[in-house]
Amino acid sequence: MAVLVNLIVALGMLYAVPAGLRLIDPAGLGTAARLWPWAAVPGALAPWLPRGSAATALAALYAAAALALLGAAGARLRRHLGRPRAGRFPDPSEVAVLTALASPSVAGSALVAERAGYRLFGFDLDVLALTVPHFHFAGFTAALVAGLVCRSAATGHRARWAAYSVPAGTLLVLAGYFVDDWAELLGAVVLTGGMWTVALVTWRELRPAARDRPAGAMLAASALVLVATMLLALWWAAGEATGIVHPTLTWMTATHGLGNALGFALCSLLAWRRLGAGPAPDPRPATALT
């Protein structure tokens, strides 16, 4: 399982995050995307080394870059709230973007602790190791794609609900780590509902409207994969909460994890890059726009 998890982590660090940053804001986050490999390469190497000071140092480089993205999310939120006539709460696409920018910091913190052999908040090291890919794909990529769908879909209410519920489900799953398995199950239900809505809108509206045939095919694949992978997530969470028979973590990594990384995240990011669409740009003051 460790080898597969490490490969999935590398995909998230080396491709998903920089590609996603360019989709969020090519101008405002373009420099961060270009510099990202300087942190992502050490971060991707860290899981392959034995736990200790060297692996922890490499992980810390990645965590520092991830925390910088968290700072960018905070600055973006402040600019949004400072806009004239801005609502007290950002629109759903912006909520999704903010969640995406914040998610790598959770993954980076878990990676540093796991590589140091430190049971952060009392969590087992295996749980910390799995938190790293989870918050690159169920956190960063899922929220980003929900924001893309929200901005591009014509059916507003479904897409808006997805853009709110995917971040909410991600946060509830994180909260469930600290509460109990039932709270984590609630988060899985909300997240699954949001991701299935993303899949539905993608299949019904965005796939047929895509003029680029390869992009349309990848959107279709990402939607179909989500149906299966999120059903597995529900099954596992329900099993942890109720004790019913459910897949092992190794089996979940090979199915749910690999499917989400390749079938959903990679296909979605490649499709959206071909389509050239992204969430709304960074809400800067009017005088800063050109």
Foldseek 3Di string as FASTA:
>chain_A
DLVLLLVLLLLLQVPLVLLLQCQAACVPCVVVSVCSVVLSVLCSCLSVDAQDDSSLVSLVSNLVSLVVLLVVLVVLVVLQVPDPPRDPDHQLLNLLQSQLSNLQNLLSVLSNCLSNVHCVVNNDSVVSSNSNSCSSQLTNQQSFLLSQLCVPFPPNPLSRLLSVQSSVLVVQLVVCVVPHLVSNLVSLVSNLSSLLSSLVRLVPTVLVPDPDPLLSVLSPQQSVLSVPLSVLVNQVSCCRVPVPDHDDPVVNCVRNVVSSSVRHSVSNSVSCVVVVHHHDHRNHPPVPDD
